[in-house]
Amino acid sequence: MTEQAKLRALALALLNGGQANTQKSGQFLGGLVGEPFSLSLKQFEWLQILSDRGDISEQFAGIDYVAK
């Protein structure tokens, strides 16, 4: 599975996980689901925070950061 596919799967899991997302985080995650894109380091770190909040940090741990 490519890193882009892993990002998409993680974003989808976060959106469907039942935890409350802010409008900003929902738009960010929805964008990753619709068309995965390269993340800046700040976006990658934010995704880690969202994963921790959603209790799926183990899924995030399997994703490598790929610089833009």
N, C-alpha and C. Protein backbone atom coordinates (compact mmCIF):
# COMPACT_ATOMS: atom_id res chain seq x y z
N MET A 1 0.85 -1.17 0.00
CA MET A 1 0.00 0.00 0.00
C MET A 1 0.90 1.24 0.00
N THR A 2 0.61 2.19 -0.86
CA THR A 2 1.40 3.41 -0.93
C THR A 2 1.13 4.30 0.28
N GLU A 3 2.02 5.26 0.51
CA GLU A 3 1.82 6.19 1.62
C GLU A 3 0.56 7.02 1.40
N GLN A 4 0.27 7.37 0.15
CA GLN A 4 -0.95 8.13 -0.15
C GLN A 4 -2.18 7.31 0.19
N ALA A 5 -2.17 6.04 -0.12
CA ALA A 5 -3.30 5.16 0.20
C ALA A 5 -3.45 5.01 1.71
N LYS A 6 -2.33 4.95 2.43
CA LYS A 6 -2.38 4.86 3.89
C LYS A 6 -2.97 6.14 4.49
N LEU A 7 -2.57 7.30 3.93
CA LEU A 7 -3.13 8.58 4.40
C LEU A 7 -4.63 8.62 4.19
N ARG A 8 -5.07 8.17 3.01
CA ARG A 8 -6.50 8.16 2.69
C ARG A 8 -7.26 7.25 3.66
N ALA A 9 -6.73 6.08 3.92
CA ALA A 9 -7.39 5.14 4.83
C ALA A 9 -7.46 5.70 6.25
N LEU A 10 -6.39 6.35 6.68
CA LEU A 10 -6.38 6.95 8.01
C LEU A 10 -7.40 8.07 8.10
N ALA A 11 -7.43 8.95 7.11
CA ALA A 11 -8.39 10.05 7.11
C ALA A 11 -9.83 9.53 7.12
N LEU A 12 -10.09 8.51 6.34
CA LEU A 12 -11.43 7.92 6.30
C LEU A 12 -11.80 7.32 7.65
N ALA A 13 -10.85 6.64 8.29
CA ALA A 13 -11.10 6.06 9.61
C ALA A 13 -11.40 7.15 10.64
N LEU A 14 -10.69 8.27 10.54
CA LEU A 14 -10.92 9.37 11.47
C LEU A 14 -12.29 10.01 11.25
N LEU A 15 -12.68 10.15 10.00
CA LEU A 15 -14.00 10.73 9.70
C LEU A 15 -15.14 9.82 10.14
N ASN A 16 -14.94 8.51 10.03
CA ASN A 16 -15.99 7.55 10.37
C ASN A 16 -15.91 7.06 11.81
N GLY A 17 -14.92 7.55 12.57
CA GLY A 17 -14.68 7.05 13.91
C GLY A 17 -15.67 7.49 14.97
N GLY A 18 -16.48 8.48 14.68
CA GLY A 18 -17.48 8.90 15.65
C GLY A 18 -17.04 10.01 16.58
N GLN A 19 -15.74 10.36 16.57
CA GLN A 19 -15.30 11.46 17.41
C GLN A 19 -15.67 12.78 16.73
N ALA A 20 -15.82 13.80 17.53
CA ALA A 20 -16.19 15.11 17.00
C ALA A 20 -14.99 15.74 16.28
N ASN A 21 -15.23 16.20 15.08
CA ASN A 21 -14.21 16.91 14.32
C ASN A 21 -14.64 18.36 14.16
N THR A 22 -13.69 19.25 14.21
CA THR A 22 -14.00 20.64 13.91
C THR A 22 -14.23 20.76 12.41
N GLN A 23 -14.79 21.89 11.99
CA GLN A 23 -15.00 22.09 10.56
C GLN A 23 -13.66 22.06 9.83
N LYS A 24 -12.66 22.67 10.43
CA LYS A 24 -11.33 22.72 9.81
C LYS A 24 -10.73 21.33 9.66
N SER A 25 -10.81 20.53 10.73
CA SER A 25 -10.23 19.18 10.64
C SER A 25 -11.05 18.31 9.69
N GLY A 26 -12.36 18.49 9.67
CA GLY A 26 -13.20 17.73 8.74
C GLY A 26 -12.89 18.04 7.29
N GLN A 27 -12.65 19.31 7.00
CA GLN A 27 -12.29 19.69 5.62
C GLN A 27 -10.93 19.12 5.25
N PHE A 28 -10.00 19.17 6.16
CA PHE A 28 -8.66 18.63 5.93
C PHE A 28 -8.73 17.12 5.66
N LEU A 29 -9.44 16.41 6.52
CA LEU A 29 -9.55 14.95 6.36
C LEU A 29 -10.33 14.60 5.11
N GLY A 30 -11.40 15.34 4.83
CA GLY A 30 -12.17 15.11 3.62
C GLY A 30 -11.35 15.32 2.37
N GLY A 31 -10.47 16.31 2.40
CA GLY A 31 -9.58 16.53 1.27
C GLY A 31 -8.63 15.37 1.05
N LEU A 32 -8.15 14.79 2.14
CA LEU A 32 -7.26 13.62 2.02
C LEU A 32 -8.00 12.41 1.47
N VAL A 33 -9.27 12.27 1.84
CA VAL A 33 -10.05 11.14 1.33
C VAL A 33 -10.34 11.33 -0.15
N GLY A 34 -10.74 12.56 -0.52
CA GLY A 34 -11.10 12.82 -1.91
C GLY A 34 -9.93 12.72 -2.87
N GLU A 35 -8.83 13.31 -2.50
CA GLU A 35 -7.64 13.27 -3.34
C GLU A 35 -6.42 13.44 -2.46
N PRO A 36 -5.80 12.33 -2.06
CA PRO A 36 -4.62 12.43 -1.20
C PRO A 36 -3.54 13.30 -1.83
N PHE A 37 -2.88 14.09 -0.99
CA PHE A 37 -1.86 15.00 -1.47
C PHE A 37 -0.66 14.92 -0.54
N SER A 38 0.45 15.44 -1.00
CA SER A 38 1.65 15.48 -0.15
C SER A 38 1.43 16.45 0.98
N LEU A 39 1.82 16.06 2.17
CA LEU A 39 1.61 16.89 3.35
C LEU A 39 2.87 17.64 3.73
N SER A 40 2.67 18.87 4.21
CA SER A 40 3.79 19.58 4.80
C SER A 40 4.06 18.92 6.16
N LEU A 41 5.18 19.24 6.75
CA LEU A 41 5.50 18.67 8.06
C LEU A 41 4.45 19.09 9.09
N LYS A 42 3.99 20.32 9.03
CA LYS A 42 2.98 20.80 9.97
C LYS A 42 1.66 20.03 9.80
N GLN A 43 1.25 19.77 8.56
CA GLN A 43 0.04 18.99 8.31
C GLN A 43 0.20 17.56 8.81
N PHE A 44 1.39 16.99 8.59
CA PHE A 44 1.66 15.63 9.04
C PHE A 44 1.57 15.54 10.56
N GLU A 45 2.12 16.55 11.25
CA GLU A 45 2.05 16.58 12.72
C GLU A 45 0.60 16.75 13.20
N TRP A 46 -0.18 17.55 12.48
CA TRP A 46 -1.59 17.75 12.84
C TRP A 46 -2.35 16.43 12.67
N LEU A 47 -2.05 15.71 11.61
CA LEU A 47 -2.69 14.41 11.39
C LEU A 47 -2.35 13.46 12.54
N GLN A 48 -1.14 13.53 13.05
CA GLN A 48 -0.76 12.71 14.19
C GLN A 48 -1.61 13.08 15.42
N ILE A 49 -1.80 14.36 15.65
CA ILE A 49 -2.63 14.81 16.78
C ILE A 49 -4.06 14.30 16.62
N LEU A 50 -4.61 14.42 15.42
CA LEU A 50 -5.97 13.94 15.17
C LEU A 50 -6.07 12.43 15.37
N SER A 51 -5.03 11.72 14.97
CA SER A 51 -5.00 10.26 15.15
C SER A 51 -4.97 9.89 16.63
N ASP A 52 -4.20 10.63 17.40
CA ASP A 52 -4.14 10.39 18.85
C ASP A 52 -5.51 10.63 19.48
N ARG A 53 -6.16 11.72 19.09
CA ARG A 53 -7.49 12.03 19.62
C ARG A 53 -8.52 10.97 19.24
N GLY A 54 -8.34 10.40 18.05
CA GLY A 54 -9.28 9.39 17.57
C GLY A 54 -8.93 7.98 18.01
N ASP A 55 -7.92 7.83 18.84
CA ASP A 55 -7.48 6.52 19.34
C ASP A 55 -7.07 5.55 18.23
N ILE A 56 -6.51 6.08 17.17
CA ILE A 56 -5.99 5.20 16.12
C ILE A 56 -4.55 5.57 15.79
N SER A 57 -3.80 5.93 16.82
CA SER A 57 -2.41 6.33 16.62
C SER A 57 -1.56 5.17 16.09
N GLU A 58 -1.97 3.93 16.35
CA GLU A 58 -1.21 2.79 15.83
C GLU A 58 -1.30 2.73 14.31
N GLN A 59 -2.41 3.17 13.74
CA GLN A 59 -2.54 3.22 12.28
C GLN A 59 -1.66 4.33 11.72
N PHE A 60 -1.58 5.44 12.43
CA PHE A 60 -0.72 6.56 12.00
C PHE A 60 0.75 6.14 12.04
N ALA A 61 1.12 5.34 13.01
CA ALA A 61 2.52 4.92 13.17
C ALA A 61 3.05 4.18 11.94
N GLY A 62 2.17 3.60 11.14
CA GLY A 62 2.58 2.87 9.95
C GLY A 62 2.77 3.74 8.72
N ILE A 63 2.65 5.06 8.89
CA ILE A 63 2.76 5.97 7.74
C ILE A 63 4.07 6.74 7.85
N ASP A 64 4.83 6.73 6.77
CA ASP A 64 6.09 7.47 6.73
C ASP A 64 5.85 8.86 6.16
N TYR A 65 6.54 9.85 6.72
CA TYR A 65 6.45 11.20 6.19
C TYR A 65 7.25 11.30 4.91
N VAL A 66 6.61 11.81 3.87
CA VAL A 66 7.27 12.03 2.59
C VAL A 66 7.23 13.54 2.33
N ALA A 67 8.39 14.16 2.27
CA ALA A 67 8.47 15.61 2.09
C ALA A 67 7.91 16.01 0.75
N LYS A 68 7.33 17.23 0.73
CA LYS A 68 6.80 17.78 -0.53
C LYS A 68 7.91 18.00 -1.52
